[in-house]
N, C-alpha and C. Protein backbone atom coordinates (compact mmCIF):
# COMPACT_ATOMS: atom_id res chain seq x y z
N MET A 1 86.90 85.74 111.96
CA MET A 1 86.82 84.57 111.09
C MET A 1 87.77 84.73 109.92
N ASP A 2 88.55 83.70 109.64
CA ASP A 2 89.50 83.73 108.53
C ASP A 2 88.78 83.37 107.23
N CYS A 3 88.06 84.35 106.67
CA CYS A 3 87.22 84.08 105.50
C CYS A 3 88.05 83.67 104.29
N GLY A 4 89.20 84.34 104.10
CA GLY A 4 90.04 84.00 102.95
C GLY A 4 90.51 82.57 103.00
N SER A 5 90.97 82.14 104.15
CA SER A 5 91.44 80.75 104.31
C SER A 5 90.30 79.76 104.09
N THR A 6 89.11 80.13 104.58
CA THR A 6 87.95 79.26 104.41
C THR A 6 87.58 79.12 102.95
N LEU A 7 87.56 80.23 102.22
CA LEU A 7 87.23 80.19 100.79
C LEU A 7 88.27 79.40 100.01
N GLU A 8 89.54 79.57 100.37
CA GLU A 8 90.61 78.82 99.70
C GLU A 8 90.41 77.32 99.92
N ALA A 9 90.09 76.94 101.13
CA ALA A 9 89.90 75.52 101.44
C ALA A 9 88.69 74.94 100.70
N ARG A 10 87.72 75.78 100.38
CA ARG A 10 86.52 75.32 99.68
C ARG A 10 86.66 75.40 98.16
N GLY A 11 87.86 75.77 97.70
CA GLY A 11 88.12 75.73 96.26
C GLY A 11 87.75 76.98 95.50
N TRP A 12 87.59 78.12 96.19
CA TRP A 12 87.27 79.35 95.50
C TRP A 12 88.51 79.85 94.76
N LEU A 13 88.37 80.04 93.45
CA LEU A 13 89.46 80.48 92.59
C LEU A 13 88.94 81.49 91.58
N GLN A 14 89.86 82.20 90.93
CA GLN A 14 89.46 83.05 89.82
C GLN A 14 88.81 82.19 88.74
N GLY A 15 87.67 82.62 88.25
CA GLY A 15 86.96 81.86 87.23
C GLY A 15 85.84 80.99 87.76
N CYS A 16 85.71 80.89 89.09
CA CYS A 16 84.58 80.15 89.65
C CYS A 16 83.27 80.83 89.25
N LEU A 17 82.22 80.02 89.10
CA LEU A 17 80.91 80.55 88.73
C LEU A 17 79.94 80.42 89.90
N ILE A 18 79.13 81.47 90.09
CA ILE A 18 78.10 81.48 91.12
C ILE A 18 76.74 81.35 90.43
N PRO A 19 75.96 80.31 90.75
CA PRO A 19 74.66 80.14 90.08
C PRO A 19 73.71 81.30 90.36
N LYS A 20 72.72 81.47 89.49
CA LYS A 20 71.83 82.62 89.54
C LYS A 20 71.13 82.75 90.88
N GLU A 21 70.63 81.66 91.44
CA GLU A 21 69.89 81.74 92.70
C GLU A 21 70.74 82.35 93.80
N SER A 22 71.98 81.88 93.92
CA SER A 22 72.88 82.43 94.93
C SER A 22 73.30 83.85 94.58
N ALA A 23 73.48 84.11 93.28
CA ALA A 23 73.91 85.43 92.83
C ALA A 23 72.88 86.49 93.19
N ILE A 24 71.61 86.20 93.00
CA ILE A 24 70.55 87.17 93.33
C ILE A 24 70.57 87.49 94.82
N ASP A 25 70.77 86.47 95.66
CA ASP A 25 70.87 86.70 97.10
C ASP A 25 72.05 87.62 97.43
N LEU A 26 73.18 87.38 96.77
CA LEU A 26 74.37 88.20 97.03
C LEU A 26 74.15 89.64 96.59
N LEU A 27 73.49 89.83 95.44
CA LEU A 27 73.24 91.18 94.94
C LEU A 27 72.36 91.99 95.88
N GLU A 28 71.52 91.30 96.64
CA GLU A 28 70.59 91.98 97.55
C GLU A 28 71.19 92.26 98.92
N GLN A 29 72.41 91.77 99.15
CA GLN A 29 73.05 92.04 100.44
C GLN A 29 73.39 93.53 100.54
N GLU A 30 73.15 94.10 101.69
CA GLU A 30 73.38 95.53 101.89
C GLU A 30 74.83 95.91 101.67
N ALA A 31 75.75 95.03 102.04
CA ALA A 31 77.18 95.33 101.92
C ALA A 31 77.73 95.09 100.52
N THR A 32 76.94 94.49 99.64
CA THR A 32 77.39 94.23 98.28
C THR A 32 77.39 95.52 97.47
N CYS A 33 78.47 95.75 96.73
CA CYS A 33 78.60 96.94 95.89
C CYS A 33 78.40 96.52 94.43
N CYS A 34 77.37 97.06 93.79
CA CYS A 34 77.08 96.76 92.38
C CYS A 34 77.40 97.98 91.53
N ILE A 35 78.11 97.78 90.44
CA ILE A 35 78.48 98.86 89.54
C ILE A 35 77.91 98.58 88.15
N ASP A 36 77.15 99.54 87.64
CA ASP A 36 76.55 99.46 86.29
C ASP A 36 75.68 98.23 86.11
N ILE A 37 74.94 97.88 87.14
CA ILE A 37 74.06 96.70 87.08
C ILE A 37 72.61 97.14 87.29
N ASP A 38 71.76 96.77 86.36
CA ASP A 38 70.32 96.99 86.49
C ASP A 38 69.74 95.72 87.10
N GLN A 39 69.61 95.70 88.42
CA GLN A 39 69.21 94.47 89.12
C GLN A 39 67.83 93.96 88.73
N PRO A 40 66.81 94.80 88.60
CA PRO A 40 65.50 94.26 88.18
C PRO A 40 65.55 93.60 86.80
N ALA A 41 66.26 94.21 85.86
CA ALA A 41 66.37 93.64 84.53
C ALA A 41 67.21 92.37 84.54
N LEU A 42 68.24 92.37 85.35
CA LEU A 42 69.13 91.21 85.41
C LEU A 42 68.40 89.99 85.96
N ALA A 43 67.46 90.20 86.84
CA ALA A 43 66.72 89.08 87.44
C ALA A 43 65.95 88.28 86.40
N ASP A 44 65.63 88.91 85.27
CA ASP A 44 64.91 88.23 84.19
C ASP A 44 65.83 87.49 83.23
N ASP A 45 67.14 87.70 83.36
CA ASP A 45 68.12 87.08 82.46
C ASP A 45 68.62 85.75 83.02
N ASP A 46 69.10 84.92 82.12
CA ASP A 46 69.79 83.68 82.51
C ASP A 46 71.26 84.04 82.68
N PHE A 47 71.73 84.11 83.92
CA PHE A 47 73.09 84.58 84.15
C PHE A 47 73.72 83.85 85.33
N VAL A 48 75.03 84.01 85.42
CA VAL A 48 75.81 83.58 86.57
C VAL A 48 76.77 84.73 86.91
N LEU A 49 77.41 84.65 88.04
CA LEU A 49 78.52 85.55 88.36
C LEU A 49 79.81 84.78 88.21
N VAL A 50 80.81 85.41 87.61
CA VAL A 50 82.11 84.77 87.44
C VAL A 50 83.15 85.56 88.25
N VAL A 51 83.94 84.85 89.02
CA VAL A 51 84.93 85.49 89.89
C VAL A 51 86.04 86.12 89.05
N ALA A 52 86.30 87.41 89.31
CA ALA A 52 87.36 88.12 88.60
C ALA A 52 88.60 88.33 89.47
N SER A 53 88.44 88.32 90.79
CA SER A 53 89.59 88.49 91.69
C SER A 53 90.60 87.38 91.47
N GLN A 54 91.87 87.73 91.61
CA GLN A 54 92.91 86.71 91.52
C GLN A 54 92.80 85.75 92.69
N SER A 55 93.16 84.51 92.45
CA SER A 55 93.02 83.48 93.46
C SER A 55 93.79 83.82 94.74
N CYS A 56 94.96 84.47 94.59
CA CYS A 56 95.74 84.82 95.78
C CYS A 56 95.03 85.87 96.62
N ASP A 57 94.27 86.77 95.98
CA ASP A 57 93.52 87.78 96.74
C ASP A 57 92.33 87.16 97.46
N ILE A 58 91.76 86.12 96.86
CA ILE A 58 90.65 85.42 97.53
C ILE A 58 91.15 84.75 98.80
N ALA A 59 92.35 84.20 98.74
CA ALA A 59 92.91 83.45 99.87
C ALA A 59 93.38 84.37 101.00
N ARG A 60 93.74 85.60 100.68
CA ARG A 60 94.29 86.50 101.70
C ARG A 60 93.19 87.04 102.61
N ASN A 61 93.39 86.92 103.90
CA ASN A 61 92.40 87.38 104.87
C ASN A 61 92.34 88.91 104.96
N ASP A 62 93.41 89.61 104.52
CA ASP A 62 93.40 91.06 104.61
C ASP A 62 92.77 91.73 103.39
N VAL A 63 92.28 90.93 102.43
CA VAL A 63 91.52 91.48 101.30
C VAL A 63 90.05 91.19 101.60
N PRO A 64 89.24 92.23 101.87
CA PRO A 64 87.90 91.99 102.43
C PRO A 64 86.83 91.53 101.45
N SER A 65 87.03 91.80 100.14
CA SER A 65 85.96 91.52 99.18
C SER A 65 86.47 90.70 98.00
N VAL A 66 85.52 90.10 97.30
CA VAL A 66 85.81 89.37 96.07
C VAL A 66 85.07 90.07 94.93
N GLN A 67 85.80 90.35 93.85
CA GLN A 67 85.18 90.99 92.70
C GLN A 67 84.64 89.93 91.75
N MET A 68 83.44 90.16 91.24
CA MET A 68 82.82 89.26 90.27
C MET A 68 82.27 90.07 89.11
N LEU A 69 82.03 89.41 87.99
CA LEU A 69 81.45 90.03 86.82
C LEU A 69 80.19 89.27 86.42
N VAL A 70 79.25 89.99 85.80
CA VAL A 70 78.03 89.36 85.31
C VAL A 70 78.34 88.61 84.02
N ALA A 71 77.91 87.36 83.94
CA ALA A 71 78.10 86.54 82.74
C ALA A 71 76.75 85.96 82.35
N ARG A 72 76.23 86.41 81.22
CA ARG A 72 74.94 85.90 80.74
C ARG A 72 75.15 84.61 79.94
N VAL A 73 74.25 83.67 80.15
CA VAL A 73 74.29 82.42 79.40
C VAL A 73 73.68 82.69 78.02
N ILE A 74 74.42 82.36 76.96
CA ILE A 74 73.99 82.66 75.59
C ILE A 74 73.93 81.37 74.77
N GLU A 75 73.19 81.45 73.68
CA GLU A 75 73.03 80.29 72.79
C GLU A 75 74.26 80.08 71.92
N ALA A 76 74.79 81.17 71.36
CA ALA A 76 75.92 81.05 70.42
C ALA A 76 76.90 82.19 70.69
N ARG A 77 78.17 81.91 70.56
CA ARG A 77 79.21 82.90 70.78
C ARG A 77 79.50 83.68 69.51
N ASP A 78 79.82 84.95 69.67
CA ASP A 78 80.14 85.85 68.57
C ASP A 78 81.66 85.88 68.39
N PRO A 79 82.19 85.49 67.21
CA PRO A 79 83.65 85.51 67.01
C PRO A 79 84.27 86.89 67.25
N GLN A 80 83.50 87.95 67.03
CA GLN A 80 84.03 89.29 67.22
C GLN A 80 84.09 89.69 68.70
N LYS A 81 83.59 88.81 69.55
CA LYS A 81 83.69 89.05 71.00
C LYS A 81 84.46 87.93 71.70
N SER A 82 84.99 87.00 70.94
CA SER A 82 85.70 85.86 71.52
C SER A 82 87.21 86.10 71.53
N TYR A 83 87.89 85.44 72.46
CA TYR A 83 89.35 85.48 72.56
C TYR A 83 89.89 86.91 72.51
N ASN A 84 89.29 87.77 73.33
CA ASN A 84 89.80 89.12 73.58
C ASN A 84 89.66 90.05 72.37
N ALA A 85 88.78 89.72 71.43
CA ALA A 85 88.60 90.59 70.27
C ALA A 85 87.87 91.88 70.62
N HIS A 86 87.15 91.88 71.74
CA HIS A 86 86.40 93.06 72.17
C HIS A 86 86.88 93.46 73.56
N PRO A 87 87.16 94.74 73.80
CA PRO A 87 87.74 95.13 75.10
C PRO A 87 86.78 95.10 76.28
N ARG A 88 85.47 95.19 76.01
CA ARG A 88 84.52 95.29 77.12
C ARG A 88 83.59 94.09 77.26
N VAL A 89 83.56 93.23 76.26
CA VAL A 89 82.69 92.05 76.28
C VAL A 89 83.50 90.84 75.85
N LEU A 90 83.34 89.74 76.56
CA LEU A 90 84.04 88.50 76.21
C LEU A 90 83.03 87.36 76.08
N ASP A 91 83.01 86.74 74.91
CA ASP A 91 82.24 85.51 74.71
C ASP A 91 83.18 84.34 74.90
N THR A 92 82.83 83.46 75.81
CA THR A 92 83.68 82.32 76.10
C THR A 92 82.80 81.15 76.51
N TYR A 93 83.41 80.06 76.94
CA TYR A 93 82.61 78.93 77.39
C TYR A 93 83.38 78.12 78.43
N VAL A 94 82.61 77.40 79.22
CA VAL A 94 83.16 76.44 80.17
C VAL A 94 82.43 75.12 79.95
N THR A 95 83.02 74.05 80.42
CA THR A 95 82.39 72.74 80.33
C THR A 95 81.91 72.34 81.72
N GLN A 96 80.66 71.95 81.79
CA GLN A 96 80.08 71.52 83.06
C GLN A 96 79.92 70.00 83.05
N VAL A 97 80.53 69.36 84.03
CA VAL A 97 80.44 67.91 84.17
C VAL A 97 79.20 67.59 84.99
N ARG A 98 78.24 66.89 84.36
CA ARG A 98 76.99 66.55 85.03
C ARG A 98 76.79 65.04 85.00
N GLU A 99 75.81 64.58 85.74
CA GLU A 99 75.54 63.15 85.79
C GLU A 99 75.15 62.59 84.43
N ASP A 100 74.50 63.44 83.61
CA ASP A 100 74.06 62.97 82.29
C ASP A 100 75.09 63.24 81.20
N GLY A 101 76.30 63.67 81.58
CA GLY A 101 77.37 63.89 80.61
C GLY A 101 77.95 65.28 80.69
N LEU A 102 78.59 65.71 79.62
CA LEU A 102 79.24 67.01 79.57
C LEU A 102 78.31 68.03 78.91
N ASN A 103 78.29 69.23 79.47
CA ASN A 103 77.45 70.29 78.93
C ASN A 103 78.32 71.52 78.71
N GLU A 104 78.32 72.04 77.48
CA GLU A 104 79.08 73.26 77.17
C GLU A 104 78.22 74.47 77.48
N LEU A 105 78.72 75.34 78.33
CA LEU A 105 77.98 76.52 78.78
C LEU A 105 78.64 77.76 78.17
N SER A 106 77.96 78.40 77.20
CA SER A 106 78.48 79.60 76.56
C SER A 106 78.10 80.83 77.38
N LEU A 107 79.06 81.72 77.57
CA LEU A 107 78.88 82.88 78.43
C LEU A 107 79.28 84.16 77.71
N ARG A 108 78.56 85.24 78.00
CA ARG A 108 78.94 86.58 77.55
C ARG A 108 79.18 87.42 78.80
N ILE A 109 80.44 87.78 79.01
CA ILE A 109 80.85 88.48 80.22
C ILE A 109 81.06 89.95 79.92
N SER A 110 80.53 90.80 80.77
CA SER A 110 80.71 92.25 80.63
C SER A 110 81.72 92.74 81.66
N ILE A 111 82.71 93.48 81.19
CA ILE A 111 83.71 94.03 82.11
C ILE A 111 83.13 95.21 82.89
N LEU A 112 82.00 95.75 82.42
CA LEU A 112 81.42 96.94 83.05
C LEU A 112 80.52 96.61 84.22
N GLU A 113 79.90 95.43 84.19
CA GLU A 113 78.95 95.05 85.25
C GLU A 113 79.70 94.33 86.37
N LYS A 114 80.11 95.10 87.36
CA LYS A 114 80.96 94.58 88.43
C LYS A 114 80.17 94.41 89.72
N VAL A 115 80.58 93.41 90.49
CA VAL A 115 79.99 93.15 91.80
C VAL A 115 81.13 92.91 92.79
N PHE A 116 81.09 93.60 93.91
CA PHE A 116 82.06 93.39 94.99
C PHE A 116 81.31 92.85 96.20
N VAL A 117 81.68 91.63 96.61
CA VAL A 117 80.97 90.95 97.70
C VAL A 117 81.91 90.73 98.87
N ARG A 118 81.45 91.07 100.05
CA ARG A 118 82.24 90.81 101.26
C ARG A 118 82.44 89.31 101.43
N LYS A 119 83.62 88.92 101.82
CA LYS A 119 83.95 87.49 101.91
C LYS A 119 83.09 86.75 102.93
N GLU A 120 82.68 87.43 103.98
CA GLU A 120 81.88 86.73 104.99
C GLU A 120 80.52 86.28 104.43
N HIS A 121 80.08 86.91 103.34
CA HIS A 121 78.82 86.50 102.71
C HIS A 121 79.01 85.33 101.74
N LEU A 122 80.26 84.96 101.49
CA LEU A 122 80.54 83.91 100.51
C LEU A 122 80.84 82.55 101.14
N VAL A 123 81.16 82.54 102.42
CA VAL A 123 81.61 81.29 103.03
C VAL A 123 80.51 80.22 103.06
N SER A 124 79.26 80.64 102.97
CA SER A 124 78.16 79.67 102.97
C SER A 124 77.61 79.43 101.56
N ILE A 125 78.26 80.04 100.55
CA ILE A 125 77.81 79.92 99.16
C ILE A 125 78.64 78.86 98.44
N ASP A 126 77.98 78.02 97.66
CA ASP A 126 78.68 77.03 96.85
C ASP A 126 78.83 77.52 95.42
N CYS A 127 80.03 77.36 94.88
CA CYS A 127 80.23 77.65 93.46
C CYS A 127 79.52 76.59 92.62
N LEU A 128 79.27 76.93 91.37
CA LEU A 128 78.65 75.98 90.45
C LEU A 128 79.55 74.76 90.32
N ASP A 129 78.98 73.60 90.53
CA ASP A 129 79.76 72.36 90.63
C ASP A 129 80.17 71.84 89.25
N GLY A 130 81.34 71.22 89.19
CA GLY A 130 81.77 70.51 87.98
C GLY A 130 82.15 71.38 86.82
N ILE A 131 82.59 72.63 87.07
CA ILE A 131 82.94 73.56 86.00
C ILE A 131 84.42 73.41 85.64
N LYS A 132 84.69 73.26 84.35
CA LYS A 132 86.06 73.15 83.85
C LYS A 132 86.30 74.17 82.75
N TRP A 133 87.36 74.97 82.91
CA TRP A 133 87.78 75.89 81.86
C TRP A 133 88.78 75.19 80.97
N GLY A 134 88.70 75.41 79.66
CA GLY A 134 89.75 74.96 78.76
C GLY A 134 90.98 75.82 78.96
N ILE A 135 92.14 75.32 78.59
CA ILE A 135 93.40 76.06 78.80
C ILE A 135 93.36 77.40 78.06
N GLN A 136 92.95 77.39 76.79
CA GLN A 136 92.91 78.63 76.02
C GLN A 136 91.86 79.58 76.55
N GLU A 137 90.71 79.06 76.94
CA GLU A 137 89.63 79.92 77.42
C GLU A 137 90.00 80.58 78.76
N GLU A 138 90.63 79.81 79.63
CA GLU A 138 91.04 80.37 80.92
C GLU A 138 92.11 81.44 80.73
N ARG A 139 93.08 81.18 79.84
CA ARG A 139 94.13 82.17 79.57
C ARG A 139 93.52 83.42 78.94
N SER A 140 92.58 83.22 78.02
CA SER A 140 91.91 84.36 77.38
C SER A 140 91.18 85.22 78.41
N TYR A 141 90.48 84.58 79.33
CA TYR A 141 89.74 85.31 80.36
C TYR A 141 90.69 86.14 81.23
N ARG A 142 91.77 85.54 81.66
CA ARG A 142 92.71 86.27 82.51
C ARG A 142 93.34 87.44 81.77
N ASN A 143 93.76 87.19 80.52
CA ASN A 143 94.37 88.26 79.73
C ASN A 143 93.37 89.39 79.46
N TRP A 144 92.14 89.02 79.19
CA TRP A 144 91.10 90.02 78.91
C TRP A 144 90.87 90.91 80.11
N LEU A 145 90.87 90.34 81.31
CA LEU A 145 90.71 91.14 82.52
C LEU A 145 91.82 92.19 82.64
N GLY A 146 93.06 91.76 82.42
CA GLY A 146 94.18 92.69 82.55
C GLY A 146 94.27 93.69 81.42
N GLU A 147 93.99 93.25 80.21
CA GLU A 147 94.14 94.12 79.04
C GLU A 147 93.12 95.25 79.02
N HIS A 148 92.01 95.07 79.71
CA HIS A 148 91.01 96.14 79.73
C HIS A 148 91.59 97.41 80.34
N TYR A 149 92.48 97.27 81.31
CA TYR A 149 93.07 98.43 81.96
C TYR A 149 94.43 98.79 81.37
N ASP A 150 94.98 97.93 80.52
CA ASP A 150 96.33 98.14 80.00
C ASP A 150 96.33 98.48 78.51
N ARG A 151 95.16 98.54 77.87
CA ARG A 151 95.12 98.77 76.42
C ARG A 151 95.41 100.24 76.12
N PRO A 152 96.01 100.51 74.95
CA PRO A 152 96.33 101.89 74.59
C PRO A 152 95.07 102.69 74.29
N ALA A 153 95.10 103.96 74.63
CA ALA A 153 93.98 104.86 74.36
C ALA A 153 94.31 105.66 73.11
N LEU A 154 93.55 105.46 72.04
CA LEU A 154 93.79 106.17 70.80
C LEU A 154 93.06 107.51 70.81
N PRO A 155 93.65 108.54 70.21
CA PRO A 155 93.00 109.86 70.20
C PRO A 155 91.73 109.83 69.35
N THR A 156 90.79 110.72 69.70
CA THR A 156 89.53 110.79 68.96
C THR A 156 89.78 111.11 67.50
N SER A 157 90.80 111.94 67.21
CA SER A 157 91.09 112.29 65.82
C SER A 157 91.48 111.06 65.01
N PHE A 158 92.19 110.10 65.65
CA PHE A 158 92.54 108.86 64.96
C PHE A 158 91.29 108.03 64.69
N ASN A 159 90.44 107.92 65.68
CA ASN A 159 89.20 107.15 65.50
C ASN A 159 88.33 107.75 64.41
N ASP A 160 88.29 109.09 64.33
CA ASP A 160 87.51 109.74 63.28
C ASP A 160 88.08 109.42 61.90
N LEU A 161 89.40 109.41 61.77
CA LEU A 161 90.02 109.07 60.49
C LEU A 161 89.76 107.61 60.13
N LEU A 162 89.80 106.76 61.15
CA LEU A 162 89.58 105.35 60.90
C LEU A 162 88.16 105.09 60.38
N LYS A 163 87.21 105.85 60.89
CA LYS A 163 85.82 105.68 60.45
C LYS A 163 85.66 106.02 58.98
N SER A 164 86.45 106.98 58.50
CA SER A 164 86.32 107.42 57.12
C SER A 164 87.33 106.75 56.19
N SER A 165 88.04 105.74 56.68
CA SER A 165 89.09 105.10 55.89
C SER A 165 88.52 104.08 54.91
N ASP A 166 89.44 103.42 54.25
CA ASP A 166 89.11 102.46 53.20
C ASP A 166 88.08 101.43 53.65
N ARG A 167 87.05 101.19 52.84
CA ARG A 167 86.01 100.23 53.16
C ARG A 167 86.56 98.81 53.34
N LYS A 168 87.66 98.52 52.66
CA LYS A 168 88.21 97.16 52.73
C LYS A 168 88.63 96.81 54.16
N LEU A 169 89.16 97.80 54.89
CA LEU A 169 89.58 97.53 56.26
C LEU A 169 88.37 97.22 57.12
N LYS A 170 87.31 98.02 56.97
CA LYS A 170 86.10 97.78 57.75
C LYS A 170 85.51 96.41 57.44
N LYS A 171 85.51 96.06 56.14
CA LYS A 171 84.95 94.78 55.74
C LYS A 171 85.77 93.63 56.31
N ALA A 172 87.11 93.77 56.27
CA ALA A 172 87.98 92.72 56.79
C ALA A 172 87.79 92.55 58.30
N ALA A 173 87.62 93.68 59.01
CA ALA A 173 87.44 93.60 60.47
C ALA A 173 86.12 92.95 60.82
N LYS A 174 85.06 93.30 60.09
CA LYS A 174 83.75 92.76 60.38
C LYS A 174 83.64 91.28 60.03
N GLN A 175 84.40 90.85 59.02
CA GLN A 175 84.32 89.46 58.59
C GLN A 175 85.49 88.64 59.11
N SER A 176 86.04 89.06 60.24
CA SER A 176 87.18 88.34 60.81
C SER A 176 86.81 86.90 61.12
N ASN A 177 87.78 86.03 60.99
CA ASN A 177 87.57 84.61 61.26
C ASN A 177 88.76 84.07 62.02
N ASP A 178 88.83 82.77 62.14
CA ASP A 178 89.89 82.14 62.93
C ASP A 178 91.27 82.36 62.33
N HIS A 179 91.34 82.69 61.03
CA HIS A 179 92.63 82.86 60.36
C HIS A 179 93.15 84.30 60.45
N LEU A 180 92.30 85.22 60.88
CA LEU A 180 92.71 86.62 61.02
C LEU A 180 92.99 86.90 62.48
N TYR A 181 94.25 87.14 62.79
CA TYR A 181 94.64 87.38 64.17
C TYR A 181 94.44 88.83 64.56
N GLY A 182 94.72 89.75 63.63
CA GLY A 182 94.57 91.15 63.96
C GLY A 182 94.95 92.05 62.81
N ILE A 183 94.58 93.30 62.90
CA ILE A 183 94.97 94.33 61.94
C ILE A 183 95.80 95.34 62.72
N TYR A 184 97.05 95.55 62.29
CA TYR A 184 97.97 96.37 63.05
C TYR A 184 98.27 97.67 62.31
N ILE A 185 98.32 98.75 63.07
CA ILE A 185 98.60 100.07 62.52
C ILE A 185 99.70 100.69 63.37
N ARG A 186 100.76 101.15 62.73
CA ARG A 186 101.84 101.81 63.46
C ARG A 186 101.60 103.31 63.47
N LEU A 187 101.60 103.87 64.67
CA LEU A 187 101.39 105.30 64.83
C LEU A 187 102.67 105.97 65.30
N ASN A 188 102.95 107.13 64.73
CA ASN A 188 104.08 107.94 65.17
C ASN A 188 103.50 109.10 65.98
N PRO A 189 103.75 109.12 67.29
CA PRO A 189 103.12 110.15 68.13
C PRO A 189 103.56 111.57 67.78
N ARG A 190 104.68 111.73 67.06
CA ARG A 190 105.17 113.07 66.72
C ARG A 190 104.71 113.53 65.35
N ALA A 191 104.11 112.62 64.61
CA ALA A 191 103.69 112.97 63.26
C ALA A 191 102.22 113.39 63.27
N ARG A 192 101.89 114.26 62.35
CA ARG A 192 100.51 114.73 62.23
C ARG A 192 99.66 113.63 61.61
N LEU A 193 98.46 113.43 62.13
CA LEU A 193 97.56 112.42 61.59
C LEU A 193 97.11 112.82 60.20
N ARG A 194 97.22 111.88 59.26
CA ARG A 194 96.77 112.11 57.89
C ARG A 194 95.76 111.05 57.52
N MET A 195 95.11 111.24 56.41
CA MET A 195 94.15 110.25 55.94
C MET A 195 94.85 108.91 55.76
N LEU A 196 94.25 107.85 56.27
CA LEU A 196 94.87 106.53 56.27
C LEU A 196 94.45 105.75 55.03
N LYS A 197 95.38 105.02 54.47
CA LYS A 197 95.11 104.16 53.33
C LYS A 197 95.47 102.73 53.71
N PHE A 198 94.61 101.81 53.40
CA PHE A 198 94.82 100.42 53.77
C PHE A 198 94.65 99.54 52.55
N GLN A 199 95.33 98.44 52.57
CA GLN A 199 95.15 97.42 51.56
C GLN A 199 94.85 96.11 52.27
N SER A 200 94.01 95.32 51.65
CA SER A 200 93.65 94.04 52.24
C SER A 200 93.71 92.96 51.17
N THR A 201 94.23 91.81 51.56
CA THR A 201 94.28 90.68 50.63
C THR A 201 93.14 89.73 50.90
N LEU A 202 92.27 90.07 51.85
CA LEU A 202 91.15 89.18 52.19
C LEU A 202 90.05 89.29 51.16
């Protein structure tokens, strides 16, 4: 059976959402591989699965599985977890088109809670209907997936210095808002780490 072609024809793409009822059935499949997922606890949560595999991999018949991530439905998004501000958690939203109008669905996605499902188990599953990603949100999700594996690894000695650095930096980071894009630090790999001094105009 050409499962990839079938899924492509049915509109399976990166970012598709699987409703909880179908997700629980998929998690219980013997061939499903769950990583860092507490299934009994998850069953009590309001969640969906969001497709992480690239759309081209879903369509290819020689790729046997589709990767998904756990996305919990939340009341309010945290700015410190939105738009790739956090490497392991992403707060985002999609718009669901329903008969009674538009519904904004806020999600908290964990990069650690992974699910790999064989494609033959997906051909009879319907994605959540009427889901629309905003342009910025969809781009953020894709970038966040890639950046998790491409981000620089800072040495423990640097992190220790950062913890003991100027309080103003910590305060600025914690109180980040839409006008603060980032705090940048230039490191010289050949220089010895020294106590860091920061200034903030915030």
